[in-house]
Amino acid sequence: MRRAALTLFTIVAIAEACSWTGLLIGMFFKYVAVHDEIGVKIFGPVHGALFVTYVLVTLVVAVLHRWHPLTAMIALACAIPPLFTLVFERWARRRGLLTVREKALV
């Protein structure tokens, strides 16, 4: 279950960043280019759902893997600025926060 949670965290972090990108492109077309809101109508709800999913999965992973509360708060805060979930995911991977530690046999 712990490994599955980490895999899900990575997938959701990437998907959330992609939905941010789609929403930003949709907003560009809505407000700058052609004044058509189809991109926002499509990516707005998608991004909203992925944002909520990222928050929930982050909380589950933080509890399962016993992240420091500050780390969990940073991970949650990274959902707000565009594409920061990718930055956090890469940072956490380099720090070993997204690996399953096997229990030592004694």
PDB file of N, CA and C in Angstrom:
ATOM      1  N   MET A   1       0.814  -1.193   0.000  1.00  0.00           N
ATOM      2  CA  MET A   1       0.000   0.000   0.000  1.00  0.00           C
ATOM      3  C   MET A   1       0.861   1.263   0.000  1.00  0.00           C
ATOM      4  N   ARG A   2       1.978   1.199   0.703  1.00  0.00           N
ATOM      5  CA  ARG A   2       2.838   2.381   0.772  1.00  0.00           C
ATOM      6  C   ARG A   2       3.438   2.690  -0.592  1.00  0.00           C
ATOM      7  N   ARG A   3       3.852   1.659  -1.304  1.00  0.00           N
ATOM      8  CA  ARG A   3       4.427   1.863  -2.634  1.00  0.00           C
ATOM      9  C   ARG A   3       3.366   2.397  -3.594  1.00  0.00           C
ATOM     10  N   ALA A   4       2.167   1.865  -3.502  1.00  0.00           N
ATOM     11  CA  ALA A   4       1.065   2.324  -4.361  1.00  0.00           C
ATOM     12  C   ALA A   4       0.731   3.788  -4.077  1.00  0.00           C
ATOM     13  N   ALA A   5       0.777   4.181  -2.811  1.00  0.00           N
ATOM     14  CA  ALA A   5       0.498   5.573  -2.457  1.00  0.00           C
ATOM     15  C   ALA A   5       1.550   6.498  -3.058  1.00  0.00           C
ATOM     16  N   LEU A   6       2.810   6.083  -3.039  1.00  0.00           N
ATOM     17  CA  LEU A   6       3.879   6.904  -3.623  1.00  0.00           C
ATOM     18  C   LEU A   6       3.724   7.020  -5.134  1.00  0.00           C
ATOM     19  N   THR A   7       3.372   5.911  -5.779  1.00  0.00           N
ATOM     20  CA  THR A   7       3.144   5.935  -7.221  1.00  0.00           C
ATOM     21  C   THR A   7       1.976   6.853  -7.557  1.00  0.00           C
ATOM     22  N   LEU A   8       0.907   6.744  -6.789  1.00  0.00           N
ATOM     23  CA  LEU A   8      -0.253   7.601  -7.005  1.00  0.00           C
ATOM     24  C   LEU A   8       0.106   9.066  -6.779  1.00  0.00           C
ATOM     25  N   PHE A   9       0.910   9.349  -5.758  1.00  0.00           N
ATOM     26  CA  PHE A   9       1.341  10.720  -5.492  1.00  0.00           C
ATOM     27  C   PHE A   9       2.076  11.297  -6.705  1.00  0.00           C
ATOM     28  N   THR A  10       3.000  10.528  -7.257  1.00  0.00           N
ATOM     29  CA  THR A  10       3.766  10.994  -8.420  1.00  0.00           C
ATOM     30  C   THR A  10       2.846  11.251  -9.608  1.00  0.00           C
ATOM     31  N   ILE A  11       1.939  10.331  -9.873  1.00  0.00           N
ATOM     32  CA  ILE A  11       1.014  10.474 -11.002  1.00  0.00           C
ATOM     33  C   ILE A  11       0.128  11.709 -10.818  1.00  0.00           C
ATOM     34  N   VAL A  12      -0.401  11.877  -9.622  1.00  0.00           N
ATOM     35  CA  VAL A  12      -1.297  13.011  -9.367  1.00  0.00           C
ATOM     36  C   VAL A  12      -0.534  14.331  -9.408  1.00  0.00           C
ATOM     37  N   ALA A  13       0.693  14.361  -8.901  1.00  0.00           N
ATOM     38  CA  ALA A  13       1.493  15.590  -8.942  1.00  0.00           C
ATOM     39  C   ALA A  13       1.746  16.016 -10.381  1.00  0.00           C
ATOM     40  N   ILE A  14       2.068  15.061 -11.244  1.00  0.00           N
ATOM     41  CA  ILE A  14       2.312  15.370 -12.660  1.00  0.00           C
ATOM     42  C   ILE A  14       1.013  15.788 -13.340  1.00  0.00           C
ATOM     43  N   ALA A  15      -0.060  15.062 -13.069  1.00  0.00           N
ATOM     44  CA  ALA A  15      -1.352  15.394 -13.686  1.00  0.00           C
ATOM     45  C   ALA A  15      -1.844  16.767 -13.242  1.00  0.00           C
ATOM     46  N   GLU A  16      -1.642  17.110 -11.979  1.00  0.00           N
ATOM     47  CA  GLU A  16      -2.065  18.410 -11.469  1.00  0.00           C
ATOM     48  C   GLU A  16      -1.296  19.529 -12.178  1.00  0.00           C
ATOM     49  N   ALA A  17      -0.006  19.320 -12.395  1.00  0.00           N
ATOM     50  CA  ALA A  17       0.793  20.318 -13.108  1.00  0.00           C
ATOM     51  C   ALA A  17       0.341  20.441 -14.567  1.00  0.00           C
ATOM     52  N   CYS A  18       0.029  19.322 -15.195  1.00  0.00           N
ATOM     53  CA  CYS A  18      -0.464  19.368 -16.576  1.00  0.00           C
ATOM     54  C   CYS A  18      -1.802  20.090 -16.659  1.00  0.00           C
ATOM     55  N   SER A  19      -2.670  19.852 -15.680  1.00  0.00           N
ATOM     56  CA  SER A  19      -3.962  20.540 -15.697  1.00  0.00           C
ATOM     57  C   SER A  19      -3.786  22.042 -15.465  1.00  0.00           C
ATOM     58  N   TRP A  20      -2.800  22.420 -14.647  1.00  0.00           N
ATOM     59  CA  TRP A  20      -2.486  23.841 -14.465  1.00  0.00           C
ATOM     60  C   TRP A  20      -2.079  24.441 -15.802  1.00  0.00           C
ATOM     61  N   THR A  21      -1.236  23.716 -16.533  1.00  0.00           N
ATOM     62  CA  THR A  21      -0.779  24.205 -17.837  1.00  0.00           C
ATOM     63  C   THR A  21      -1.964  24.386 -18.783  1.00  0.00           C
ATOM     64  N   GLY A  22      -2.846  23.394 -18.826  1.00  0.00           N
ATOM     65  CA  GLY A  22      -4.035  23.504 -19.669  1.00  0.00           C
ATOM     66  C   GLY A  22      -4.914  24.673 -19.272  1.00  0.00           C
ATOM     67  N   LEU A  23      -5.079  24.880 -17.968  1.00  0.00           N
ATOM     68  CA  LEU A  23      -5.892  25.995 -17.493  1.00  0.00           C
ATOM     69  C   LEU A  23      -5.256  27.342 -17.848  1.00  0.00           C
ATOM     70  N   LEU A  24      -3.938  27.437 -17.703  1.00  0.00           N
ATOM     71  CA  LEU A  24      -3.252  28.686 -18.060  1.00  0.00           C
ATOM     72  C   LEU A  24      -3.376  28.982 -19.558  1.00  0.00           C
ATOM     73  N   ILE A  25      -3.255  27.953 -20.386  1.00  0.00           N
ATOM     74  CA  ILE A  25      -3.430  28.140 -21.837  1.00  0.00           C
ATOM     75  C   ILE A  25      -4.869  28.560 -22.130  1.00  0.00           C
ATOM     76  N   GLY A  26      -5.806  27.894 -21.465  1.00  0.00           N
ATOM     77  CA  GLY A  26      -7.218  28.263 -21.642  1.00  0.00           C
ATOM     78  C   GLY A  26      -7.486  29.700 -21.230  1.00  0.00           C
ATOM     79  N   MET A  27      -6.862  30.153 -20.151  1.00  0.00           N
ATOM     80  CA  MET A  27      -7.033  31.540 -19.702  1.00  0.00           C
ATOM     81  C   MET A  27      -6.394  32.516 -20.688  1.00  0.00           C
ATOM     82  N   PHE A  28      -5.269  32.128 -21.277  1.00  0.00           N
ATOM     83  CA  PHE A  28      -4.646  32.984 -22.286  1.00  0.00           C
ATOM     84  C   PHE A  28      -5.597  33.187 -23.468  1.00  0.00           C
ATOM     85  N   PHE A  29      -6.166  32.093 -23.943  1.00  0.00           N
ATOM     86  CA  PHE A  29      -7.092  32.204 -25.070  1.00  0.00           C
ATOM     87  C   PHE A  29      -8.365  32.958 -24.693  1.00  0.00           C
ATOM     88  N   LYS A  30      -8.814  32.790 -23.448  1.00  0.00           N
ATOM     89  CA  LYS A  30     -10.030  33.477 -23.020  1.00  0.00           C
ATOM     90  C   LYS A  30      -9.820  34.987 -22.905  1.00  0.00           C
ATOM     91  N   TYR A  31      -8.729  35.391 -22.301  1.00  0.00           N
ATOM     92  CA  TYR A  31      -8.547  36.809 -21.986  1.00  0.00           C
ATOM     93  C   TYR A  31      -7.668  37.570 -22.974  1.00  0.00           C
ATOM     94  N   VAL A  32      -6.848  36.864 -23.779  1.00  0.00           N
ATOM     95  CA  VAL A  32      -5.901  37.566 -24.645  1.00  0.00           C
ATOM     96  C   VAL A  32      -6.159  37.300 -26.121  1.00  0.00           C
ATOM     97  N   ALA A  33      -6.197  36.053 -26.494  1.00  0.00           N
ATOM     98  CA  ALA A  33      -6.170  35.718 -27.917  1.00  0.00           C
ATOM     99  C   ALA A  33      -7.536  35.808 -28.600  1.00  0.00           C
ATOM    100  N   VAL A  34      -8.413  34.883 -28.336  1.00  0.00           N
ATOM    101  CA  VAL A  34      -9.657  34.810 -29.109  1.00  0.00           C
ATOM    102  C   VAL A  34     -10.916  35.080 -28.289  1.00  0.00           C
ATOM    103  N   HIS A  35     -10.755  35.306 -27.002  1.00  0.00           N
ATOM    104  CA  HIS A  35     -11.883  35.589 -26.110  1.00  0.00           C
ATOM    105  C   HIS A  35     -12.945  34.481 -26.139  1.00  0.00           C
ATOM    106  N   ASP A  36     -12.451  33.239 -26.152  1.00  0.00           N
ATOM    107  CA  ASP A  36     -13.320  32.060 -26.125  1.00  0.00           C
ATOM    108  C   ASP A  36     -13.010  31.301 -24.839  1.00  0.00           C
ATOM    109  N   GLU A  37     -14.022  30.939 -24.083  1.00  0.00           N
ATOM    110  CA  GLU A  37     -13.773  30.317 -22.790  1.00  0.00           C
ATOM    111  C   GLU A  37     -13.793  28.797 -22.789  1.00  0.00           C
ATOM    112  N   ILE A  38     -13.738  28.152 -23.927  1.00  0.00           N
ATOM    113  CA  ILE A  38     -13.823  26.692 -23.963  1.00  0.00           C
ATOM    114  C   ILE A  38     -12.679  26.031 -23.186  1.00  0.00           C
ATOM    115  N   GLY A  39     -11.476  26.592 -23.290  1.00  0.00           N
ATOM    116  CA  GLY A  39     -10.341  26.018 -22.555  1.00  0.00           C
ATOM    117  C   GLY A  39     -10.536  26.081 -21.055  1.00  0.00           C
ATOM    118  N   VAL A  40     -11.077  27.178 -20.561  1.00  0.00           N
ATOM    119  CA  VAL A  40     -11.322  27.323 -19.129  1.00  0.00           C
ATOM    120  C   VAL A  40     -12.466  26.415 -18.701  1.00  0.00           C
ATOM    121  N   LYS A  41     -13.484  26.278 -19.550  1.00  0.00           N
ATOM    122  CA  LYS A  41     -14.604  25.394 -19.224  1.00  0.00           C
ATOM    123  C   LYS A  41     -14.162  23.937 -19.130  1.00  0.00           C
ATOM    124  N   ILE A  42     -13.182  23.558 -19.928  1.00  0.00           N
ATOM    125  CA  ILE A  42     -12.687  22.180 -19.907  1.00  0.00           C
ATOM    126  C   ILE A  42     -11.689  21.979 -18.771  1.00  0.00           C
ATOM    127  N   PHE A  43     -10.665  22.818 -18.722  1.00  0.00           N
ATOM    128  CA  PHE A  43      -9.580  22.590 -17.772  1.00  0.00           C
ATOM    129  C   PHE A  43      -9.879  23.084 -16.362  1.00  0.00           C
ATOM    130  N   GLY A  44     -10.833  23.988 -16.193  1.00  0.00           N
ATOM    131  CA  GLY A  44     -11.184  24.453 -14.851  1.00  0.00           C
ATOM    132  C   GLY A  44     -11.638  23.320 -13.941  1.00  0.00           C
ATOM    133  N   PRO A  45     -12.663  22.573 -14.325  1.00  0.00           N
ATOM    134  CA  PRO A  45     -13.108  21.459 -13.476  1.00  0.00           C
ATOM    135  C   PRO A  45     -12.072  20.336 -13.361  1.00  0.00           C
ATOM    136  N   VAL A  46     -11.354  20.075 -14.450  1.00  0.00           N
ATOM    137  CA  VAL A  46     -10.314  19.033 -14.408  1.00  0.00           C
ATOM    138  C   VAL A  46      -9.256  19.416 -13.381  1.00  0.00           C
ATOM    139  N   HIS A  47      -8.804  20.675 -13.464  1.00  0.00           N
ATOM    140  CA  HIS A  47      -7.784  21.132 -12.519  1.00  0.00           C
ATOM    141  C   HIS A  47      -8.320  21.131 -11.086  1.00  0.00           C
ATOM    142  N   GLY A  48      -9.559  21.545 -10.904  1.00  0.00           N
ATOM    143  CA  GLY A  48     -10.148  21.534  -9.564  1.00  0.00           C
ATOM    144  C   GLY A  48     -10.171  20.142  -8.962  1.00  0.00           C
ATOM    145  N   ALA A  49     -10.565  19.165  -9.747  1.00  0.00           N
ATOM    146  CA  ALA A  49     -10.608  17.782  -9.259  1.00  0.00           C
ATOM    147  C   ALA A  49      -9.206  17.262  -8.949  1.00  0.00           C
ATOM    148  N   LEU A  50      -8.252  17.574  -9.813  1.00  0.00           N
ATOM    149  CA  LEU A  50      -6.881  17.117  -9.573  1.00  0.00           C
ATOM    150  C   LEU A  50      -6.243  17.839  -8.388  1.00  0.00           C
ATOM    151  N   PHE A  51      -6.603  19.093  -8.180  1.00  0.00           N
ATOM    152  CA  PHE A  51      -6.108  19.835  -7.015  1.00  0.00           C
ATOM    153  C   PHE A  51      -6.566  19.157  -5.731  1.00  0.00           C
ATOM    154  N   VAL A  52      -7.856  18.849  -5.655  1.00  0.00           N
ATOM    155  CA  VAL A  52      -8.395  18.194  -4.462  1.00  0.00           C
ATOM    156  C   VAL A  52      -7.766  16.807  -4.290  1.00  0.00           C
ATOM    157  N   THR A  53      -7.610  16.077  -5.384  1.00  0.00           N
ATOM    158  CA  THR A  53      -6.982  14.760  -5.323  1.00  0.00           C
ATOM    159  C   THR A  53      -5.546  14.862  -4.828  1.00  0.00           C
ATOM    160  N   TYR A  54      -4.806  15.855  -5.321  1.00  0.00           N
ATOM    161  CA  TYR A  54      -3.417  16.054  -4.880  1.00  0.00           C
ATOM    162  C   TYR A  54      -3.369  16.316  -3.371  1.00  0.00           C
ATOM    163  N   VAL A  55      -4.254  17.152  -2.875  1.00  0.00           N
ATOM    164  CA  VAL A  55      -4.281  17.452  -1.440  1.00  0.00           C
ATOM    165  C   VAL A  55      -4.544  16.176  -0.637  1.00  0.00           C
ATOM    166  N   LEU A  56      -5.530  15.398  -1.041  1.00  0.00           N
ATOM    167  CA  LEU A  56      -5.872  14.173  -0.318  1.00  0.00           C
ATOM    168  C   LEU A  56      -4.735  13.143  -0.374  1.00  0.00           C
ATOM    169  N   VAL A  57      -4.181  12.934  -1.558  1.00  0.00           N
ATOM    170  CA  VAL A  57      -3.093  11.961  -1.700  1.00  0.00           C
ATOM    171  C   VAL A  57      -1.864  12.418  -0.920  1.00  0.00           C
ATOM    172  N   THR A  58      -1.590  13.714  -0.927  1.00  0.00           N
ATOM    173  CA  THR A  58      -0.451  14.235  -0.169  1.00  0.00           C
ATOM    174  C   THR A  58      -0.633  13.966   1.323  1.00  0.00           C
ATOM    175  N   LEU A  59      -1.828  14.180   1.831  1.00  0.00           N
ATOM    176  CA  LEU A  59      -2.077  13.914   3.250  1.00  0.00           C
ATOM    177  C   LEU A  59      -1.902  12.433   3.582  1.00  0.00           C
ATOM    178  N   VAL A  60      -2.388  11.558   2.714  1.00  0.00           N
ATOM    179  CA  VAL A  60      -2.236  10.117   2.933  1.00  0.00           C
ATOM    180  C   VAL A  60      -0.764   9.722   2.927  1.00  0.00           C
ATOM    181  N   VAL A  61      -0.018  10.201   1.939  1.00  0.00           N
ATOM    182  CA  VAL A  61       1.407   9.862   1.843  1.00  0.00           C
ATOM    183  C   VAL A  61       2.170  10.429   3.036  1.00  0.00           C
ATOM    184  N   ALA A  62       1.851  11.647   3.438  1.00  0.00           N
ATOM    185  CA  ALA A  62       2.538  12.265   4.577  1.00  0.00           C
ATOM    186  C   ALA A  62       2.341  11.444   5.855  1.00  0.00           C
ATOM    187  N   VAL A  63       1.137  10.914   6.044  1.00  0.00           N
ATOM    188  CA  VAL A  63       0.876  10.100   7.236  1.00  0.00           C
ATOM    189  C   VAL A  63       1.550   8.731   7.113  1.00  0.00           C
ATOM    190  N   LEU A  64       1.371   8.082   5.965  1.00  0.00           N
ATOM    191  CA  LEU A  64       1.951   6.737   5.775  1.00  0.00           C
ATOM    192  C   LEU A  64       3.466   6.729   5.886  1.00  0.00           C
ATOM    193  N   HIS A  65       4.102   7.767   5.377  1.00  0.00           N
ATOM    194  CA  HIS A  65       5.568   7.805   5.332  1.00  0.00           C
ATOM    195  C   HIS A  65       6.160   8.706   6.403  1.00  0.00           C
ATOM    196  N   ARG A  66       5.301   9.165   7.304  1.00  0.00           N
ATOM    197  CA  ARG A  66       5.729   9.943   8.461  1.00  0.00           C
ATOM    198  C   ARG A  66       6.590  11.140   8.083  1.00  0.00           C
ATOM    199  N   TRP A  67       6.090  11.912   7.120  1.00  0.00           N
ATOM    200  CA  TRP A  67       6.776  13.145   6.762  1.00  0.00           C
ATOM    201  C   TRP A  67       6.698  14.112   7.930  1.00  0.00           C
ATOM    202  N   HIS A  68       7.714  14.923   8.048  1.00  0.00           N
ATOM    203  CA  HIS A  68       7.702  16.009   9.027  1.00  0.00           C
ATOM    204  C   HIS A  68       6.520  16.927   8.663  1.00  0.00           C
ATOM    205  N   PRO A  69       5.814  17.469   9.645  1.00  0.00           N
ATOM    206  CA  PRO A  69       4.670  18.340   9.340  1.00  0.00           C
ATOM    207  C   PRO A  69       5.017  19.517   8.423  1.00  0.00           C
ATOM    208  N   LEU A  70       6.212  20.069   8.566  1.00  0.00           N
ATOM    209  CA  LEU A  70       6.620  21.174   7.688  1.00  0.00           C
ATOM    210  C   LEU A  70       6.737  20.700   6.242  1.00  0.00           C
ATOM    211  N   THR A  71       7.253  19.501   6.043  1.00  0.00           N
ATOM    212  CA  THR A  71       7.344  18.931   4.697  1.00  0.00           C
ATOM    213  C   THR A  71       5.956  18.758   4.094  1.00  0.00           C
ATOM    214  N   ALA A  72       5.034  18.266   4.890  1.00  0.00           N
ATOM    215  CA  ALA A  72       3.660  18.087   4.410  1.00  0.00           C
ATOM    216  C   ALA A  72       3.025  19.432   4.059  1.00  0.00           C
ATOM    217  N   MET A  73       3.269  20.441   4.884  1.00  0.00           N
ATOM    218  CA  MET A  73       2.704  21.766   4.595  1.00  0.00           C
ATOM    219  C   MET A  73       3.309  22.361   3.331  1.00  0.00           C
ATOM    220  N   ILE A  74       4.593  22.152   3.115  1.00  0.00           N
ATOM    221  CA  ILE A  74       5.237  22.631   1.881  1.00  0.00           C
ATOM    222  C   ILE A  74       4.645  21.918   0.678  1.00  0.00           C
ATOM    223  N   ALA A  75       4.458  20.605   0.794  1.00  0.00           N
ATOM    224  CA  ALA A  75       3.866  19.832  -0.305  1.00  0.00           C
ATOM    225  C   ALA A  75       2.470  20.350  -0.635  1.00  0.00           C
ATOM    226  N   LEU A  76       1.694  20.654   0.388  1.00  0.00           N
ATOM    227  CA  LEU A  76       0.348  21.180   0.165  1.00  0.00           C
ATOM    228  C   LEU A  76       0.400  22.582  -0.446  1.00  0.00           C
ATOM    229  N   ALA A  77       1.309  23.409   0.035  1.00  0.00           N
ATOM    230  CA  ALA A  77       1.441  24.770  -0.503  1.00  0.00           C
ATOM    231  C   ALA A  77       1.884  24.756  -1.956  1.00  0.00           C
ATOM    232  N   CYS A  78       2.600  23.734  -2.362  1.00  0.00           N
ATOM    233  CA  CYS A  78       3.077  23.639  -3.743  1.00  0.00           C
ATOM    234  C   CYS A  78       1.948  23.383  -4.737  1.00  0.00           C
ATOM    235  N   ALA A  79       0.768  23.076  -4.260  1.00  0.00           N
ATOM    236  CA  ALA A  79      -0.375  22.888  -5.155  1.00  0.00           C
ATOM    237  C   ALA A  79      -0.929  24.220  -5.634  1.00  0.00           C
ATOM    238  N   ILE A  80      -0.562  25.306  -4.982  1.00  0.00           N
ATOM    239  CA  ILE A  80      -1.161  26.597  -5.311  1.00  0.00           C
ATOM    240  C   ILE A  80      -0.474  27.278  -6.505  1.00  0.00           C
ATOM    241  N   PRO A  81       0.843  27.481  -6.496  1.00  0.00           N
ATOM    242  CA  PRO A  81       1.457  28.112  -7.677  1.00  0.00           C
ATOM    243  C   PRO A  81       1.529  27.115  -8.840  1.00  0.00           C
ATOM    244  N   PRO A  82       1.414  27.603 -10.049  1.00  0.00           N
ATOM    245  CA  PRO A  82       1.460  26.705 -11.207  1.00  0.00           C
ATOM    246  C   PRO A  82       2.757  25.898 -11.276  1.00  0.00           C
ATOM    247  N   LEU A  83       2.618  24.608 -11.503  1.00  0.00           N
ATOM    248  CA  LEU A  83       3.694  23.653 -11.772  1.00  0.00           C
ATOM    249  C   LEU A  83       4.583  23.341 -10.573  1.00  0.00           C
ATOM    250  N   PHE A  84       4.278  23.863  -9.399  1.00  0.00           N
ATOM    251  CA  PHE A  84       5.134  23.612  -8.240  1.00  0.00           C
ATOM    252  C   PHE A  84       4.997  22.197  -7.709  1.00  0.00           C
ATOM    253  N   THR A  85       3.932  21.487  -8.070  1.00  0.00           N
ATOM    254  CA  THR A  85       3.838  20.093  -7.643  1.00  0.00           C
ATOM    255  C   THR A  85       4.949  19.274  -8.284  1.00  0.00           C
ATOM    256  N   LEU A  86       5.341  19.649  -9.498  1.00  0.00           N
ATOM    257  CA  LEU A  86       6.481  18.980 -10.142  1.00  0.00           C
ATOM    258  C   LEU A  86       7.773  19.275  -9.399  1.00  0.00           C
ATOM    259  N   VAL A  87       7.947  20.523  -9.016  1.00  0.00           N
ATOM    260  CA  VAL A  87       9.157  20.919  -8.275  1.00  0.00           C
ATOM    261  C   VAL A  87       9.231  20.152  -6.965  1.00  0.00           C
ATOM    262  N   PHE A  88       8.118  20.092  -6.239  1.00  0.00           N
ATOM    263  CA  PHE A  88       8.132  19.368  -4.970  1.00  0.00           C
ATOM    264  C   PHE A  88       8.381  17.880  -5.193  1.00  0.00           C
ATOM    265  N   GLU A  89       7.749  17.292  -6.183  1.00  0.00           N
ATOM    266  CA  GLU A  89       7.919  15.854  -6.441  1.00  0.00           C
ATOM    267  C   GLU A  89       9.380  15.530  -6.709  1.00  0.00           C
ATOM    268  N   ARG A  90      10.035  16.332  -7.518  1.00  0.00           N
ATOM    269  CA  ARG A  90      11.459  16.084  -7.815  1.00  0.00           C
ATOM    270  C   ARG A  90      12.324  16.294  -6.583  1.00  0.00           C
ATOM    271  N   TRP A  91      12.031  17.336  -5.815  1.00  0.00           N
ATOM    272  CA  TRP A  91      12.783  17.602  -4.586  1.00  0.00           C
ATOM    273  C   TRP A  91      12.607  16.445  -3.603  1.00  0.00           C
ATOM    274  N   ALA A  92      11.374  16.000  -3.420  1.00  0.00           N
ATOM    275  CA  ALA A  92      11.092  14.913  -2.483  1.00  0.00           C
ATOM    276  C   ALA A  92      11.756  13.615  -2.934  1.00  0.00           C
ATOM    277  N   ARG A  93      11.772  13.360  -4.224  1.00  0.00           N
ATOM    278  CA  ARG A  93      12.422  12.150  -4.736  1.00  0.00           C
ATOM    279  C   ARG A  93      13.920  12.185  -4.454  1.00  0.00           C
ATOM    280  N   ARG A  94      14.548  13.337  -4.690  1.00  0.00           N
ATOM    281  CA  ARG A  94      15.996  13.455  -4.429  1.00  0.00           C
ATOM    282  C   ARG A  94      16.311  13.286  -2.945  1.00  0.00           C
ATOM    283  N   ARG A  95      15.411  13.718  -2.083  1.00  0.00           N
ATOM    284  CA  ARG A  95      15.623  13.622  -0.640  1.00  0.00           C
ATOM    285  C   ARG A  95      15.244  12.249  -0.073  1.00  0.00           C
ATOM    286  N   GLY A  96      14.726  11.363  -0.919  1.00  0.00           N
ATOM    287  CA  GLY A  96      14.359  10.023  -0.468  1.00  0.00           C
ATOM    288  C   GLY A  96      12.995   9.939   0.196  1.00  0.00           C
ATOM    289  N   LEU A  97      12.191  10.984   0.041  1.00  0.00           N
ATOM    290  CA  LEU A  97      10.868  10.978   0.656  1.00  0.00           C
ATOM    291  C   LEU A  97       9.851  10.160  -0.138  1.00  0.00           C
ATOM    292  N   LEU A  98      10.201   9.796  -1.357  1.00  0.00           N
ATOM    293  CA  LEU A  98       9.274   9.031  -2.205  1.00  0.00           C
ATOM    294  C   LEU A  98       9.800   7.631  -2.479  1.00  0.00           C
ATOM    295  N   THR A  99      10.511   7.079  -1.498  1.00  0.00           N
ATOM    296  CA  THR A  99      10.983   5.708  -1.620  1.00  0.00           C
ATOM    297  C   THR A  99      10.453   4.902  -0.427  1.00  0.00           C
ATOM    298  N   VAL A 100      10.235   3.631  -0.678  1.00  0.00           N
ATOM    299  CA  VAL A 100       9.755   2.746   0.377  1.00  0.00           C
ATOM    300  C   VAL A 100      10.982   2.144   1.038  1.00  0.00           C
ATOM    301  N   ARG A 101      11.080   2.355   2.327  1.00  0.00           N
ATOM    302  CA  ARG A 101      12.203   1.792   3.079  1.00  0.00           C
ATOM    303  C   ARG A 101      11.781   0.416   3.573  1.00  0.00           C
ATOM    304  N   GLU A 102      12.575  -0.567   3.222  1.00  0.00           N
ATOM    305  CA  GLU A 102      12.275  -1.945   3.658  1.00  0.00           C
ATOM    306  C   GLU A 102      12.657  -2.100   5.128  1.00  0.00           C
ATOM    307  N   LYS A 103      11.853  -2.839   5.843  1.00  0.00           N
ATOM    308  CA  LYS A 103      12.134  -3.083   7.258  1.00  0.00           C
ATOM    309  C   LYS A 103      13.305  -4.055   7.374  1.00  0.00           C
ATOM    310  N   ALA A 104      14.193  -3.770   8.305  1.00  0.00           N
ATOM    311  CA  ALA A 104      15.357  -4.638   8.514  1.00  0.00           C
ATOM    312  C   ALA A 104      14.905  -5.921   9.203  1.00  0.00           C
ATOM    313  N   LEU A 105      15.464  -7.024   8.756  1.00  0.00           N
ATOM    314  CA  LEU A 105      15.165  -8.311   9.375  1.00  0.00           C
ATOM    315  C   LEU A 105      16.117  -8.500  10.554  1.00  0.00           C
ATOM    316  N   VAL A 106      15.568  -8.750  11.701  1.00  0.00           N
ATOM    317  CA  VAL A 106      16.414  -8.891  12.891  1.00  0.00           C
ATOM    318  C   VAL A 106      16.309 -10.301  13.417  1.00  0.00           C
TER     319      VAL A 106
END
